[in-house]
PDB file of N, CA and C in Angstrom:
ATOM      1  N   MET A   1      -0.158  -6.863 -12.979  1.00  0.00           N
ATOM      2  CA  MET A   1       0.271  -5.513 -13.064  1.00  0.00           C
ATOM      3  C   MET A   1       0.013  -4.900 -12.112  1.00  0.00           C
ATOM      4  N   MET A   2      -1.004  -4.760 -11.258  1.00  0.00           N
ATOM      5  CA  MET A   2      -1.418  -3.869 -10.232  1.00  0.00           C
ATOM      6  C   MET A   2      -0.859  -4.183  -8.815  1.00  0.00           C
ATOM      7  N   PRO A   3      -0.423  -5.502  -8.642  1.00  0.00           N
ATOM      8  CA  PRO A   3       0.326  -5.703  -7.322  1.00  0.00           C
ATOM      9  C   PRO A   3       1.587  -4.765  -7.561  1.00  0.00           C
ATOM     10  N   TYR A   4       2.332  -4.820  -8.889  1.00  0.00           N
ATOM     11  CA  TYR A   4       3.602  -4.257  -8.730  1.00  0.00           C
ATOM     12  C   TYR A   4       3.607  -2.668  -8.776  1.00  0.00           C
ATOM     13  N   LEU A   5       2.397  -2.042  -8.921  1.00  0.00           N
ATOM     14  CA  LEU A   5       2.119  -0.784  -9.158  1.00  0.00           C
ATOM     15  C   LEU A   5       1.930  -0.384  -7.567  1.00  0.00           C
ATOM     16  N   PHE A   6       1.329  -1.429  -6.676  1.00  0.00           N
ATOM     17  CA  PHE A   6       0.851  -1.026  -5.364  1.00  0.00           C
ATOM     18  C   PHE A   6       2.553  -1.169  -4.673  1.00  0.00           C
ATOM     19  N   LEU A   7       3.303  -1.895  -5.239  1.00  0.00           N
ATOM     20  CA  LEU A   7       4.450  -2.019  -4.557  1.00  0.00           C
ATOM     21  C   LEU A   7       5.391  -0.806  -4.548  1.00  0.00           C
ATOM     22  N   ILE A   8       5.215  -0.133  -5.744  1.00  0.00           N
ATOM     23  CA  ILE A   8       5.863   1.210  -5.801  1.00  0.00           C
ATOM     24  C   ILE A   8       5.297   1.999  -5.127  1.00  0.00           C
ATOM     25  N   LEU A   9       3.938   2.042  -5.059  1.00  0.00           N
ATOM     26  CA  LEU A   9       3.080   3.035  -4.246  1.00  0.00           C
ATOM     27  C   LEU A   9       3.653   2.852  -2.618  1.00  0.00           C
ATOM     28  N   THR A  10       3.842   1.762  -2.339  1.00  0.00           N
ATOM     29  CA  THR A  10       4.340   1.356  -0.944  1.00  0.00           C
ATOM     30  C   THR A  10       5.731   1.989  -0.584  1.00  0.00           C
ATOM     31  N   ILE A  11       6.611   1.805  -1.513  1.00  0.00           N
ATOM     32  CA  ILE A  11       7.970   2.229  -1.751  1.00  0.00           C
ATOM     33  C   ILE A  11       7.785   4.072  -1.535  1.00  0.00           C
ATOM     34  N   PHE A  12       7.187   4.320  -2.353  1.00  0.00           N
ATOM     35  CA  PHE A  12       6.865   5.994  -2.382  1.00  0.00           C
ATOM     36  C   PHE A  12       6.440   6.461  -0.935  1.00  0.00           C
ATOM     37  N   ALA A  13       5.428   5.666  -0.588  1.00  0.00           N
ATOM     38  CA  ALA A  13       4.791   5.984   0.835  1.00  0.00           C
ATOM     39  C   ALA A  13       5.652   5.940   1.998  1.00  0.00           C
ATOM     40  N   PHE A  14       6.632   4.867   1.819  1.00  0.00           N
ATOM     41  CA  PHE A  14       7.525   4.980   2.908  1.00  0.00           C
ATOM     42  C   PHE A  14       8.661   6.097   2.997  1.00  0.00           C
ATOM     43  N   PHE A  15       9.054   6.571   1.528  1.00  0.00           N
ATOM     44  CA  PHE A  15       9.842   7.680   1.717  1.00  0.00           C
ATOM     45  C   PHE A  15       9.016   9.227   2.246  1.00  0.00           C
ATOM     46  N   LEU A  16       7.841   8.940   1.725  1.00  0.00           N
ATOM     47  CA  LEU A  16       7.223  10.208   2.456  1.00  0.00           C
ATOM     48  C   LEU A  16       7.079  10.099   3.944  1.00  0.00           C
ATOM     49  N   ASN A  17       6.932   8.911   4.399  1.00  0.00           N
ATOM     50  CA  ASN A  17       6.806   8.707   5.984  1.00  0.00           C
ATOM     51  C   ASN A  17       8.140   8.953   6.514  1.00  0.00           C
ATOM     52  N   ILE A  18       9.294   8.671   6.019  1.00  0.00           N
ATOM     53  CA  ILE A  18      10.553   9.247   6.461  1.00  0.00           C
ATOM     54  C   ILE A  18      10.577  10.611   6.673  1.00  0.00           C
ATOM     55  N   LEU A  19      10.041  11.358   5.458  1.00  0.00           N
ATOM     56  CA  LEU A  19       9.943  12.881   5.525  1.00  0.00           C
ATOM     57  C   LEU A  19       8.937  13.373   6.518  1.00  0.00           C
ATOM     58  N   GLY A  20       7.979  12.586   6.790  1.00  0.00           N
ATOM     59  CA  GLY A  20       6.999  13.003   7.830  1.00  0.00           C
ATOM     60  C   GLY A  20       8.108  12.789   9.375  1.00  0.00           C
ATOM     61  N   PHE A  21       8.604  11.517   9.572  1.00  0.00           N
ATOM     62  CA  PHE A  21       9.645  11.694  10.701  1.00  0.00           C
ATOM     63  C   PHE A  21      10.577  12.742  10.816  1.00  0.00           C
ATOM     64  N   MET A  22      10.749  13.381   9.869  1.00  0.00           N
ATOM     65  CA  MET A  22      11.892  14.469  10.086  1.00  0.00           C
ATOM     66  C   MET A  22      11.178  15.791  10.061  1.00  0.00           C
ATOM     67  N   GLN A  23       9.651  15.691  10.452  1.00  0.00           N
ATOM     68  CA  GLN A  23       8.789  16.661  10.562  1.00  0.00           C
ATOM     69  C   GLN A  23       8.566  17.553   9.478  1.00  0.00           C
ATOM     70  N   LEU A  24       8.842  17.140   8.091  1.00  0.00           N
ATOM     71  CA  LEU A  24       8.542  18.079   6.907  1.00  0.00           C
ATOM     72  C   LEU A  24       7.377  17.914   6.441  1.00  0.00           C
ATOM     73  N   ILE A  25       6.681  16.779   6.539  1.00  0.00           N
ATOM     74  CA  ILE A  25       5.375  16.586   6.268  1.00  0.00           C
ATOM     75  C   ILE A  25       4.578  15.921   7.531  1.00  0.00           C
ATOM     76  N   PRO A  26       3.335  16.529   7.749  1.00  0.00           N
ATOM     77  CA  PRO A  26       2.585  15.932   8.854  1.00  0.00           C
ATOM     78  C   PRO A  26       2.535  14.612   8.778  1.00  0.00           C
ATOM     79  N   LEU A  27       2.882  13.846  10.237  1.00  0.00           N
ATOM     80  CA  LEU A  27       2.736  12.287  10.330  1.00  0.00           C
ATOM     81  C   LEU A  27       1.025  11.907  10.138  1.00  0.00           C
ATOM     82  N   TYR A  28       0.188  12.490  10.666  1.00  0.00           N
ATOM     83  CA  TYR A  28      -0.926  12.252  10.380  1.00  0.00           C
ATOM     84  C   TYR A  28      -1.541  12.074   8.841  1.00  0.00           C
ATOM     85  N   ILE A  29      -0.809  12.766   7.834  1.00  0.00           N
ATOM     86  CA  ILE A  29      -0.985  12.344   6.562  1.00  0.00           C
ATOM     87  C   ILE A  29      -0.519  11.330   6.053  1.00  0.00           C
ATOM     88  N   THR A  30       1.054  10.853   6.354  1.00  0.00           N
ATOM     89  CA  THR A  30       1.874  10.082   5.802  1.00  0.00           C
ATOM     90  C   THR A  30       1.518   8.581   6.255  1.00  0.00           C
ATOM     91  N   LEU A  31       1.142   8.444   7.772  1.00  0.00           N
ATOM     92  CA  LEU A  31       1.113   7.254   8.150  1.00  0.00           C
ATOM     93  C   LEU A  31      -0.225   6.479   7.466  1.00  0.00           C
ATOM     94  N   PRO A  32      -1.548   7.068   7.342  1.00  0.00           N
ATOM     95  CA  PRO A  32      -2.517   6.480   6.742  1.00  0.00           C
ATOM     96  C   PRO A  32      -2.151   6.091   5.411  1.00  0.00           C
ATOM     97  N   LEU A  33      -1.380   6.816   4.491  1.00  0.00           N
ATOM     98  CA  LEU A  33      -0.737   6.696   3.264  1.00  0.00           C
ATOM     99  C   LEU A  33      -0.053   5.083   3.542  1.00  0.00           C
ATOM    100  N   LEU A  34       0.796   5.219   4.252  1.00  0.00           N
ATOM    101  CA  LEU A  34       1.706   3.890   4.300  1.00  0.00           C
ATOM    102  C   LEU A  34       0.796   2.842   4.443  1.00  0.00           C
ATOM    103  N   PHE A  35      -0.016   2.620   5.638  1.00  0.00           N
ATOM    104  CA  PHE A  35      -0.964   1.560   6.337  1.00  0.00           C
ATOM    105  C   PHE A  35      -1.738   1.209   4.789  1.00  0.00           C
ATOM    106  N   ILE A  36      -2.547   2.119   4.137  1.00  0.00           N
ATOM    107  CA  ILE A  36      -3.188   1.886   2.922  1.00  0.00           C
ATOM    108  C   ILE A  36      -2.244   1.330   1.770  1.00  0.00           C
ATOM    109  N   SER A  37      -1.406   1.788   1.724  1.00  0.00           N
ATOM    110  CA  SER A  37      -0.646   1.163   0.414  1.00  0.00           C
ATOM    111  C   SER A  37       0.018  -0.274   0.865  1.00  0.00           C
ATOM    112  N   ILE A  38       0.401  -0.418   2.083  1.00  0.00           N
ATOM    113  CA  ILE A  38       0.743  -1.886   2.293  1.00  0.00           C
ATOM    114  C   ILE A  38      -0.422  -2.505   2.318  1.00  0.00           C
ATOM    115  N   TYR A  39      -1.510  -2.263   2.712  1.00  0.00           N
ATOM    116  CA  TYR A  39      -2.526  -3.167   2.784  1.00  0.00           C
ATOM    117  C   TYR A  39      -3.160  -3.683   1.467  1.00  0.00           C
ATOM    118  N   LEU A  40      -3.300  -2.472   0.515  1.00  0.00           N
ATOM    119  CA  LEU A  40      -3.111  -2.978  -0.908  1.00  0.00           C
ATOM    120  C   LEU A  40      -2.284  -3.725  -1.608  1.00  0.00           C
ATOM    121  N   THR A  41      -1.044  -3.454  -1.162  1.00  0.00           N
ATOM    122  CA  THR A  41      -0.159  -4.346  -1.558  1.00  0.00           C
ATOM    123  C   THR A  41      -0.136  -5.841  -1.235  1.00  0.00           C
ATOM    124  N   ILE A  42      -0.136  -6.059  -0.007  1.00  0.00           N
ATOM    125  CA  ILE A  42      -0.295  -7.531   0.455  1.00  0.00           C
ATOM    126  C   ILE A  42      -1.811  -8.070   0.021  1.00  0.00           C
ATOM    127  N   PHE A  43      -2.792  -7.330  -0.054  1.00  0.00           N
ATOM    128  CA  PHE A  43      -4.161  -7.736  -0.569  1.00  0.00           C
ATOM    129  C   PHE A  43      -3.923  -8.276  -2.264  1.00  0.00           C
ATOM    130  N   SER A  44      -3.358  -7.438  -2.810  1.00  0.00           N
ATOM    131  CA  SER A  44      -2.930  -7.912  -4.369  1.00  0.00           C
ATOM    132  C   SER A  44      -2.419  -8.710  -4.476  1.00  0.00           C
ATOM    133  N   PHE A  45      -1.432  -9.176  -3.779  1.00  0.00           N
ATOM    134  CA  PHE A  45      -0.285 -10.434  -3.912  1.00  0.00           C
ATOM    135  C   PHE A  45      -0.946 -11.559  -3.308  1.00  0.00           C
ATOM    136  N   THR A  46      -1.786 -11.495  -2.337  1.00  0.00           N
ATOM    137  CA  THR A  46      -2.470 -12.724  -2.052  1.00  0.00           C
ATOM    138  C   THR A  46      -3.914 -13.090  -2.295  1.00  0.00           C
ATOM    139  N   HIS A  47      -4.526 -12.105  -2.912  1.00  0.00           N
ATOM    140  CA  HIS A  47      -5.717 -12.566  -3.386  1.00  0.00           C
ATOM    141  C   HIS A  47      -6.041 -13.399  -4.634  1.00  0.00           C
ATOM    142  N   ARG A  48      -6.702 -14.440  -4.883  1.00  0.00           N
ATOM    143  CA  ARG A  48      -6.498 -15.310  -5.849  1.00  0.00           C
ATOM    144  C   ARG A  48      -8.241 -15.070  -6.390  1.00  0.00           C
ATOM    145  N   LYS A  49      -8.182 -15.191  -7.723  1.00  0.00           N
ATOM    146  CA  LYS A  49      -9.424 -15.224  -8.414  1.00  0.00           C
ATOM    147  C   LYS A  49      -9.755 -16.812  -8.645  1.00  0.00           C
ATOM    148  N   VAL A  50     -10.884 -16.855  -7.703  1.00  0.00           N
ATOM    149  CA  VAL A  50     -11.531 -18.267  -7.353  1.00  0.00           C
ATOM    150  C   VAL A  50     -12.769 -18.366  -8.082  1.00  0.00           C
ATOM    151  N   PHE A  51     -12.975 -19.529  -8.939  1.00  0.00           N
ATOM    152  CA  PHE A  51     -14.030 -19.874  -9.914  1.00  0.00           C
ATOM    153  C   PHE A  51     -14.735 -20.710  -8.653  1.00  0.00           C
ATOM    154  N   ARG A  52     -15.999 -20.400  -8.597  1.00  0.00           N
ATOM    155  CA  ARG A  52     -17.210 -20.828  -7.929  1.00  0.00           C
ATOM    156  C   ARG A  52     -18.188 -21.501  -8.734  1.00  0.00           C
ATOM    157  N   ARG A  53     -18.311 -22.874  -8.977  1.00  0.00           N
ATOM    158  CA  ARG A  53     -19.047 -23.324  -9.768  1.00  0.00           C
ATOM    159  C   ARG A  53     -20.447 -23.354  -9.355  1.00  0.00           C
ATOM    160  N   LEU A  54     -21.613 -22.843  -9.897  1.00  0.00           N
ATOM    161  CA  LEU A  54     -22.811 -22.835  -9.452  1.00  0.00           C
ATOM    162  C   LEU A  54     -23.638 -24.115  -9.693  1.00  0.00           C
ATOM    163  N   ARG A  55     -24.549 -24.460  -8.521  1.00  0.00           N
ATOM    164  CA  ARG A  55     -24.831 -25.718  -8.845  1.00  0.00           C
ATOM    165  C   ARG A  55     -26.487 -25.595  -9.207  1.00  0.00           C
TER     166      ARG A  55
END
Protein backbone atom coordinates (compact mmCIF):
# COMPACT_ATOMS: atom_id res chain seq x y z
CA MET A 1 0.00 0.00 0.00
CA MET A 2 2.74 2.47 0.93
CA PRO A 3 4.76 2.16 -2.32
CA TYR A 4 1.71 3.14 -4.36
CA LEU A 5 1.04 6.10 -2.08
CA PHE A 6 4.62 7.25 -2.60
CA LEU A 7 4.19 6.77 -6.36
CA ILE A 8 1.17 9.09 -6.34
CA LEU A 9 3.18 11.54 -4.23
CA THR A 10 5.98 11.44 -6.83
CA ILE A 11 3.56 12.22 -9.66
CA PHE A 12 2.13 15.12 -7.65
CA ALA A 13 5.63 16.43 -6.87
CA PHE A 14 6.53 16.17 -10.57
CA PHE A 15 3.61 18.41 -11.52
CA LEU A 16 4.59 20.84 -8.76
CA ASN A 17 8.09 20.84 -10.21
CA ILE A 18 6.70 21.72 -13.65
CA LEU A 19 4.93 24.66 -12.00
CA GLY A 20 8.26 25.57 -10.45
CA PHE A 21 9.93 25.60 -13.87
CA MET A 22 7.21 27.99 -15.04
CA GLN A 23 8.18 30.16 -12.03
CA LEU A 24 4.76 29.91 -10.38
CA ILE A 25 6.21 28.14 -7.32
CA PRO A 26 9.82 28.59 -6.12
CA LEU A 27 12.17 25.84 -7.29
CA TYR A 28 13.89 25.64 -3.91
CA ILE A 29 10.62 24.22 -2.57
CA THR A 30 9.66 21.90 -5.42
CA LEU A 31 13.03 20.29 -6.12
CA PRO A 32 13.57 18.89 -2.59
CA LEU A 33 9.97 17.62 -2.56
CA LEU A 34 10.54 15.81 -5.84
CA PHE A 35 13.85 14.35 -4.66
CA ILE A 36 12.41 13.11 -1.36
CA SER A 37 9.35 11.60 -3.02
CA ILE A 38 11.46 9.78 -5.64
CA TYR A 39 13.78 8.51 -2.90
CA LEU A 40 10.90 7.23 -0.76
CA THR A 41 9.25 5.57 -3.77
CA ILE A 42 12.40 3.72 -4.79
CA PHE A 43 13.17 2.79 -1.20
CA SER A 44 9.68 1.44 -0.57
CA PHE A 45 9.67 -0.67 -3.75
CA THR A 46 13.13 -2.14 -3.12
CA HIS A 47 13.03 -2.55 0.66
CA ARG A 48 12.45 -6.14 1.62
CA LYS A 49 11.56 -7.41 5.02
CA VAL A 50 14.42 -9.68 5.93
CA PHE A 51 14.06 -12.14 8.75
CA ARG A 52 17.36 -12.60 10.54
CA ARG A 53 17.41 -15.55 12.82
CA LEU A 54 19.15 -15.00 16.14
CA ARG A 55 21.63 -17.61 17.18
